[in-house]
Each structure stands twice: as structure tokens, then as C-alpha cells.
Amino acid sequence: NQGPPDLDELLNDLGKKVSGIFGGKGNNRSSG
């Protein structure tokens, strides 16, 4: 039980989706 996810992770997921829309490659192992 580690609690709710971090806000940075949510923004990271949103950024990945936006970058995917504009042709960018999502990398789950990208840095902070």
C-alpha cells in the first residue's frame, strides 16, 4: 500500500499522449 500515484506521473502520462499526437515517441523510461 504505497498511496495514490504522484502528480508528476500523471503529467508525464499526459505529456506522452500529447507528444504522441504531434508525432513524438513515448518512452516509459524517460527521465523526470
PDB file of all heavy atoms in Angstrom:
ATOM      1  N   ASN A   1       0.859  -1.185   0.000  1.00  0.00           N
ATOM      2  CA  ASN A   1       0.000   0.000   0.000  1.00  0.00           C
ATOM      3  C   ASN A   1       0.887   1.223   0.000  1.00  0.00           C
ATOM      4  O   ASN A   1       1.360   1.680   1.056  1.00  0.00           O
ATOM      5  CB  ASN A   1      -0.910  -0.027   1.220  1.00  0.00           C
ATOM      6  CG  ASN A   1      -1.933   1.090   1.185  1.00  0.00           C
ATOM      7  OD1 ASN A   1      -2.056   1.762   0.173  1.00  0.00           O
ATOM      8  ND2 ASN A   1      -2.654   1.234   2.288  1.00  0.00           N
ATOM      9  N   GLN A   2       1.150   1.793  -1.236  1.00  0.00           N
ATOM     10  CA  GLN A   2       2.019   2.961  -1.389  1.00  0.00           C
ATOM     11  C   GLN A   2       1.251   4.263  -1.542  1.00  0.00           C
ATOM     12  O   GLN A   2       1.833   5.289  -1.818  1.00  0.00           O
ATOM     13  CB  GLN A   2       2.921   2.751  -2.604  1.00  0.00           C
ATOM     14  CG  GLN A   2       3.844   1.559  -2.461  1.00  0.00           C
ATOM     15  CD  GLN A   2       4.711   1.355  -3.688  1.00  0.00           C
ATOM     16  OE1 GLN A   2       4.569   2.090  -4.660  1.00  0.00           O
ATOM     17  NE2 GLN A   2       5.599   0.359  -3.638  1.00  0.00           N
ATOM     18  N   GLY A   3      -0.115   4.294  -1.469  1.00  0.00           N
ATOM     19  CA  GLY A   3      -0.905   5.523  -1.566  1.00  0.00           C
ATOM     20  C   GLY A   3      -1.199   5.884  -3.008  1.00  0.00           C
ATOM     21  O   GLY A   3      -0.906   5.136  -3.930  1.00  0.00           O
ATOM     22  N   PRO A   4      -1.812   7.030  -3.254  1.00  0.00           N
ATOM     23  CA  PRO A   4      -2.171   7.444  -4.609  1.00  0.00           C
ATOM     24  C   PRO A   4      -0.943   7.768  -5.437  1.00  0.00           C
ATOM     25  O   PRO A   4       0.118   8.062  -4.887  1.00  0.00           O
ATOM     26  CB  PRO A   4      -3.028   8.696  -4.363  1.00  0.00           C
ATOM     27  CG  PRO A   4      -2.602   9.197  -3.049  1.00  0.00           C
ATOM     28  CD  PRO A   4      -2.203   8.001  -2.226  1.00  0.00           C
ATOM     29  N   PRO A   5      -1.051   7.719  -6.774  1.00  0.00           N
ATOM     30  CA  PRO A   5       0.109   7.981  -7.635  1.00  0.00           C
ATOM     31  C   PRO A   5       0.539   9.435  -7.535  1.00  0.00           C
ATOM     32  O   PRO A   5      -0.245  10.310  -7.173  1.00  0.00           O
ATOM     33  CB  PRO A   5      -0.417   7.643  -9.034  1.00  0.00           C
ATOM     34  CG  PRO A   5      -1.880   7.815  -8.944  1.00  0.00           C
ATOM     35  CD  PRO A   5      -2.249   7.381  -7.541  1.00  0.00           C
ATOM     36  N   ASP A   6       1.778   9.689  -7.918  1.00  0.00           N
ATOM     37  CA  ASP A   6       2.346  11.028  -7.859  1.00  0.00           C
ATOM     38  C   ASP A   6       1.786  11.879  -8.995  1.00  0.00           C
ATOM     39  O   ASP A   6       1.472  11.381 -10.080  1.00  0.00           O
ATOM     40  CB  ASP A   6       3.876  10.934  -7.947  1.00  0.00           C
ATOM     41  CG  ASP A   6       4.529  12.265  -7.614  1.00  0.00           C
ATOM     42  OD1 ASP A   6       3.778  13.192  -7.234  1.00  0.00           O
ATOM     43  OD2 ASP A   6       5.754  12.382  -7.758  1.00  0.00           O
ATOM     44  N   LEU A   7       1.700  13.232  -8.760  1.00  0.00           N
ATOM     45  CA  LEU A   7       1.195  14.158  -9.779  1.00  0.00           C
ATOM     46  C   LEU A   7       2.126  14.209 -10.963  1.00  0.00           C
ATOM     47  O   LEU A   7       1.681  14.405 -12.111  1.00  0.00           O
ATOM     48  CB  LEU A   7       1.018  15.550  -9.158  1.00  0.00           C
ATOM     49  CG  LEU A   7       0.474  16.651 -10.076  1.00  0.00           C
ATOM     50  CD1 LEU A   7      -0.910  16.269 -10.588  1.00  0.00           C
ATOM     51  CD2 LEU A   7       0.408  17.984  -9.338  1.00  0.00           C
ATOM     52  N   ASP A   8       3.428  14.016 -10.705  1.00  0.00           N
ATOM     53  CA  ASP A   8       4.376  14.048 -11.823  1.00  0.00           C
ATOM     54  C   ASP A   8       4.129  12.907 -12.789  1.00  0.00           C
ATOM     55  O   ASP A   8       4.268  13.064 -14.016  1.00  0.00           O
ATOM     56  CB  ASP A   8       5.816  13.973 -11.291  1.00  0.00           C
ATOM     57  CG  ASP A   8       6.209  15.236 -10.526  1.00  0.00           C
ATOM     58  OD1 ASP A   8       5.552  16.276 -10.803  1.00  0.00           O
ATOM     59  OD2 ASP A   8       7.113  15.184  -9.693  1.00  0.00           O
ATOM     60  N   GLU A   9       3.735  11.772 -12.248  1.00  0.00           N
ATOM     61  CA  GLU A   9       3.454  10.642 -13.119  1.00  0.00           C
ATOM     62  C   GLU A   9       2.238  10.930 -13.997  1.00  0.00           C
ATOM     63  O   GLU A   9       2.216  10.594 -15.203  1.00  0.00           O
ATOM     64  CB  GLU A   9       3.233   9.385 -12.284  1.00  0.00           C
ATOM     65  CG  GLU A   9       4.480   8.914 -11.553  1.00  0.00           C
ATOM     66  CD  GLU A   9       4.214   7.648 -10.760  1.00  0.00           C
ATOM     67  OE1 GLU A   9       3.033   7.176 -10.809  1.00  0.00           O
ATOM     68  OE2 GLU A   9       5.131   7.156 -10.130  1.00  0.00           O
ATOM     69  N   LEU A  10       1.223  11.552 -13.423  1.00  0.00           N
ATOM     70  CA  LEU A  10       0.039  11.906 -14.230  1.00  0.00           C
ATOM     71  C   LEU A  10       0.401  12.882 -15.337  1.00  0.00           C
ATOM     72  O   LEU A  10      -0.035  12.750 -16.485  1.00  0.00           O
ATOM     73  CB  LEU A  10      -1.049  12.493 -13.333  1.00  0.00           C
ATOM     74  CG  LEU A  10      -1.684  11.532 -12.316  1.00  0.00           C
ATOM     75  CD1 LEU A  10      -2.687  12.278 -11.450  1.00  0.00           C
ATOM     76  CD2 LEU A  10      -2.372  10.371 -13.021  1.00  0.00           C
ATOM     77  N   LEU A  11       1.182  13.941 -15.028  1.00  0.00           N
ATOM     78  CA  LEU A  11       1.597  14.898 -16.049  1.00  0.00           C
ATOM     79  C   LEU A  11       2.475  14.236 -17.089  1.00  0.00           C
ATOM     80  O   LEU A  11       2.415  14.590 -18.287  1.00  0.00           O
ATOM     81  CB  LEU A  11       2.326  16.064 -15.399  1.00  0.00           C
ATOM     82  CG  LEU A  11       1.474  16.956 -14.480  1.00  0.00           C
ATOM     83  CD1 LEU A  11       2.334  18.039 -13.841  1.00  0.00           C
ATOM     84  CD2 LEU A  11       0.349  17.591 -15.272  1.00  0.00           C
ATOM     85  N   ASN A  12       3.297  13.247 -16.618  1.00  0.00           N
ATOM     86  CA  ASN A  12       4.163  12.532 -17.566  1.00  0.00           C
ATOM     87  C   ASN A  12       3.320  11.749 -18.557  1.00  0.00           C
ATOM     88  O   ASN A  12       3.571  11.742 -19.765  1.00  0.00           O
ATOM     89  CB  ASN A  12       5.108  11.608 -16.796  1.00  0.00           C
ATOM     90  CG  ASN A  12       6.189  11.015 -17.698  1.00  0.00           C
ATOM     91  OD1 ASN A  12       6.373  11.459 -18.835  1.00  0.00           O
ATOM     92  ND2 ASN A  12       6.902  10.010 -17.190  1.00  0.00           N
ATOM     93  N   ASP A  13       2.291  11.077 -18.028  1.00  0.00           N
ATOM     94  CA  ASP A  13       1.397  10.347 -18.936  1.00  0.00           C
ATOM     95  C   ASP A  13       0.691  11.289 -19.910  1.00  0.00           C
ATOM     96  O   ASP A  13       0.544  10.977 -21.097  1.00  0.00           O
ATOM     97  CB  ASP A  13       0.353   9.580 -18.123  1.00  0.00           C
ATOM     98  CG  ASP A  13       0.992   8.456 -17.299  1.00  0.00           C
ATOM     99  OD1 ASP A  13       2.086   8.035 -17.671  1.00  0.00           O
ATOM    100  OD2 ASP A  13       0.364   8.053 -16.299  1.00  0.00           O
ATOM    101  N   LEU A  14       0.234  12.461 -19.440  1.00  0.00           N
ATOM    102  CA  LEU A  14      -0.410  13.430 -20.327  1.00  0.00           C
ATOM    103  C   LEU A  14       0.546  13.931 -21.383  1.00  0.00           C
ATOM    104  O   LEU A  14       0.201  14.095 -22.555  1.00  0.00           O
ATOM    105  CB  LEU A  14      -0.980  14.588 -19.504  1.00  0.00           C
ATOM    106  CG  LEU A  14      -1.707  15.696 -20.276  1.00  0.00           C
ATOM    107  CD1 LEU A  14      -2.925  15.109 -20.993  1.00  0.00           C
ATOM    108  CD2 LEU A  14      -2.146  16.814 -19.337  1.00  0.00           C
ATOM    109  N   GLY A  15       1.803  14.164 -20.976  1.00  0.00           N
ATOM    110  CA  GLY A  15       2.802  14.620 -21.944  1.00  0.00           C
ATOM    111  C   GLY A  15       3.086  13.591 -22.994  1.00  0.00           C
ATOM    112  O   GLY A  15       3.284  13.909 -24.174  1.00  0.00           O
ATOM    113  N   LYS A  16       3.102  12.363 -22.581  1.00  0.00           N
ATOM    114  CA  LYS A  16       3.328  11.304 -23.555  1.00  0.00           C
ATOM    115  C   LYS A  16       2.199  11.266 -24.574  1.00  0.00           C
ATOM    116  O   LYS A  16       2.417  11.080 -25.783  1.00  0.00           O
ATOM    117  CB  LYS A  16       3.449   9.967 -22.841  1.00  0.00           C
ATOM    118  CG  LYS A  16       4.748   9.823 -22.032  1.00  0.00           C
ATOM    119  CD  LYS A  16       4.776   8.475 -21.327  1.00  0.00           C
ATOM    120  CE  LYS A  16       6.059   8.321 -20.488  1.00  0.00           C
ATOM    121  NZ  LYS A  16       6.105   7.027 -19.765  1.00  0.00           N
ATOM    122  N   LYS A  17       0.979  11.372 -24.109  1.00  0.00           N
ATOM    123  CA  LYS A  17      -0.145  11.343 -25.032  1.00  0.00           C
ATOM    124  C   LYS A  17      -0.097  12.509 -25.998  1.00  0.00           C
ATOM    125  O   LYS A  17      -0.359  12.359 -27.199  1.00  0.00           O
ATOM    126  CB  LYS A  17      -1.456  11.352 -24.255  1.00  0.00           C
ATOM    127  CG  LYS A  17      -1.670  10.079 -23.435  1.00  0.00           C
ATOM    128  CD  LYS A  17      -2.970  10.165 -22.659  1.00  0.00           C
ATOM    129  CE  LYS A  17      -3.203   8.909 -21.831  1.00  0.00           C
ATOM    130  NZ  LYS A  17      -4.453   8.954 -21.045  1.00  0.00           N
ATOM    131  N   VAL A  18       0.224  13.714 -25.500  1.00  0.00           N
ATOM    132  CA  VAL A  18       0.287  14.885 -26.377  1.00  0.00           C
ATOM    133  C   VAL A  18       1.394  14.749 -27.381  1.00  0.00           C
ATOM    134  O   VAL A  18       1.251  15.070 -28.573  1.00  0.00           O
ATOM    135  CB  VAL A  18       0.441  16.155 -25.534  1.00  0.00           C
ATOM    136  CG1 VAL A  18       0.692  17.364 -26.440  1.00  0.00           C
ATOM    137  CG2 VAL A  18      -0.796  16.392 -24.692  1.00  0.00           C
ATOM    138  N   SER A  19       2.559  14.239 -26.918  1.00  0.00           N
ATOM    139  CA  SER A  19       3.670  14.058 -27.842  1.00  0.00           C
ATOM    140  C   SER A  19       3.356  13.010 -28.885  1.00  0.00           C
ATOM    141  O   SER A  19       3.788  13.087 -30.033  1.00  0.00           O
ATOM    142  CB  SER A  19       4.927  13.670 -27.059  1.00  0.00           C
ATOM    143  OG  SER A  19       4.715  12.432 -26.381  1.00  0.00           O
ATOM    144  N   GLY A  20       2.554  12.023 -28.510  1.00  0.00           N
ATOM    145  CA  GLY A  20       2.144  11.028 -29.485  1.00  0.00           C
ATOM    146  C   GLY A  20       1.247  11.625 -30.544  1.00  0.00           C
ATOM    147  O   GLY A  20       1.288  11.252 -31.708  1.00  0.00           O
ATOM    148  N   ILE A  21       0.446  12.561 -30.116  1.00  0.00           N
ATOM    149  CA  ILE A  21      -0.430  13.227 -31.100  1.00  0.00           C
ATOM    150  C   ILE A  21       0.386  14.014 -32.100  1.00  0.00           C
ATOM    151  O   ILE A  21       0.104  14.032 -33.303  1.00  0.00           O
ATOM    152  CB  ILE A  21      -1.442  14.134 -30.375  1.00  0.00           C
ATOM    153  CG1 ILE A  21      -2.396  13.264 -29.547  1.00  0.00           C
ATOM    154  CG2 ILE A  21      -2.214  14.989 -31.347  1.00  0.00           C
ATOM    155  CD1 ILE A  21      -3.313  14.066 -28.679  1.00  0.00           C
ATOM    156  N   PHE A  22       1.433  14.722 -31.651  1.00  0.00           N
ATOM    157  CA  PHE A  22       2.257  15.557 -32.524  1.00  0.00           C
ATOM    158  C   PHE A  22       3.407  14.785 -33.171  1.00  0.00           C
ATOM    159  O   PHE A  22       4.340  15.381 -33.686  1.00  0.00           O
ATOM    160  CB  PHE A  22       2.818  16.756 -31.747  1.00  0.00           C
ATOM    161  CG  PHE A  22       1.780  17.758 -31.389  1.00  0.00           C
ATOM    162  CD1 PHE A  22       1.208  17.767 -30.129  1.00  0.00           C
ATOM    163  CD2 PHE A  22       1.361  18.705 -32.318  1.00  0.00           C
ATOM    164  CE1 PHE A  22       0.265  18.687 -29.800  1.00  0.00           C
ATOM    165  CE2 PHE A  22       0.414  19.636 -31.981  1.00  0.00           C
ATOM    166  CZ  PHE A  22      -0.158  19.631 -30.725  1.00  0.00           C
ATOM    167  N   GLY A  23       3.404  13.473 -33.046  1.00  0.00           N
ATOM    168  CA  GLY A  23       4.403  12.654 -33.749  1.00  0.00           C
ATOM    169  C   GLY A  23       5.597  12.270 -32.897  1.00  0.00           C
ATOM    170  O   GLY A  23       6.549  11.672 -33.408  1.00  0.00           O
ATOM    171  N   GLY A  24       5.638  12.630 -31.655  1.00  0.00           N
ATOM    172  CA  GLY A  24       6.760  12.265 -30.795  1.00  0.00           C
ATOM    173  C   GLY A  24       6.667  10.821 -30.355  1.00  0.00           C
ATOM    174  O   GLY A  24       5.616  10.192 -30.420  1.00  0.00           O
ATOM    175  N   LYS A  25       7.810  10.225 -29.904  1.00  0.00           N
ATOM    176  CA  LYS A  25       7.864   8.829 -29.451  1.00  0.00           C
ATOM    177  C   LYS A  25       7.854   8.799 -27.954  1.00  0.00           C
ATOM    178  O   LYS A  25       8.679   9.437 -27.293  1.00  0.00           O
ATOM    179  CB  LYS A  25       9.112   8.140 -29.958  1.00  0.00           C
ATOM    180  CG  LYS A  25       9.139   8.010 -31.478  1.00  0.00           C
ATOM    181  CD  LYS A  25      10.378   7.302 -31.918  1.00  0.00           C
ATOM    182  CE  LYS A  25      10.422   7.140 -33.441  1.00  0.00           C
ATOM    183  NZ  LYS A  25      11.659   6.448 -33.896  1.00  0.00           N
ATOM    184  N   GLY A  26       6.904   8.108 -27.435  1.00  0.00           N
ATOM    185  CA  GLY A  26       6.801   7.987 -25.990  1.00  0.00           C
ATOM    186  C   GLY A  26       7.847   7.007 -25.455  1.00  0.00           C
ATOM    187  O   GLY A  26       8.135   5.974 -26.064  1.00  0.00           O
ATOM    188  N   ASN A  27       8.441   7.271 -24.345  1.00  0.00           N
ATOM    189  CA  ASN A  27       9.459   6.426 -23.719  1.00  0.00           C
ATOM    190  C   ASN A  27       9.118   6.301 -22.263  1.00  0.00           C
ATOM    191  O   ASN A  27       9.147   7.297 -21.521  1.00  0.00           O
ATOM    192  CB  ASN A  27      10.838   7.020 -23.895  1.00  0.00           C
ATOM    193  CG  ASN A  27      11.940   6.073 -23.412  1.00  0.00           C
ATOM    194  OD1 ASN A  27      11.647   4.942 -22.991  1.00  0.00           O
ATOM    195  ND2 ASN A  27      13.183   6.529 -23.488  1.00  0.00           N
ATOM    196  N   ASN A  28       8.737   5.083 -21.875  1.00  0.00           N
ATOM    197  CA  ASN A  28       8.337   4.886 -20.498  1.00  0.00           C
ATOM    198  C   ASN A  28       9.486   5.019 -19.543  1.00  0.00           C
ATOM    199  O   ASN A  28       9.300   5.218 -18.360  1.00  0.00           O
ATOM    200  CB  ASN A  28       7.695   3.503 -20.335  1.00  0.00           C
ATOM    201  CG  ASN A  28       6.384   3.395 -21.092  1.00  0.00           C
ATOM    202  OD1 ASN A  28       5.715   4.399 -21.256  1.00  0.00           O
ATOM    203  ND2 ASN A  28       6.054   2.188 -21.537  1.00  0.00           N
ATOM    204  N   ARG A  29      10.727   4.970 -20.118  1.00  0.00           N
ATOM    205  CA  ARG A  29      11.868   5.054 -19.239  1.00  0.00           C
ATOM    206  C   ARG A  29      12.551   6.395 -19.313  1.00  0.00           C
ATOM    207  O   ARG A  29      13.719   6.571 -19.073  1.00  0.00           O
ATOM    208  CB  ARG A  29      12.874   3.961 -19.614  1.00  0.00           C
ATOM    209  CG  ARG A  29      12.359   2.566 -19.302  1.00  0.00           C
ATOM    210  CD  ARG A  29      13.313   1.506 -19.766  1.00  0.00           C
ATOM    211  NE  ARG A  29      13.388   1.503 -21.226  1.00  0.00           N
ATOM    212  CZ  ARG A  29      14.172   0.636 -21.934  1.00  0.00           C
ATOM    213  NH1 ARG A  29      14.917  -0.249 -21.329  1.00  0.00           N
ATOM    214  NH2 ARG A  29      14.161   0.681 -23.253  1.00  0.00           N
ATOM    215  N   SER A  30      11.729   7.462 -19.787  1.00  0.00           N
ATOM    216  CA  SER A  30      12.299   8.803 -19.857  1.00  0.00           C
ATOM    217  C   SER A  30      12.562   9.334 -18.472  1.00  0.00           C
ATOM    218  O   SER A  30      11.931   8.922 -17.505  1.00  0.00           O
ATOM    219  CB  SER A  30      11.382   9.726 -20.638  1.00  0.00           C
ATOM    220  OG  SER A  30      10.145   9.821 -19.963  1.00  0.00           O
ATOM    221  N   SER A  31      13.476  10.304 -18.401  1.00  0.00           N
ATOM    222  CA  SER A  31      13.858  10.884 -17.109  1.00  0.00           C
ATOM    223  C   SER A  31      12.792  11.836 -16.623  1.00  0.00           C
ATOM    224  O   SER A  31      11.861  12.193 -17.341  1.00  0.00           O
ATOM    225  CB  SER A  31      15.194  11.605 -17.242  1.00  0.00           C
ATOM    226  OG  SER A  31      15.069  12.666 -18.183  1.00  0.00           O
ATOM    227  N   GLY A  32      12.934  12.348 -15.404  1.00  0.00           N
ATOM    228  CA  GLY A  32      11.962  13.298 -14.841  1.00  0.00           C
ATOM    229  C   GLY A  32      12.014  14.633 -15.524  1.00  0.00           C
ATOM    230  O   GLY A  32      11.022  15.335 -15.606  1.00  0.00           O
TER     231      GLY A  32
END
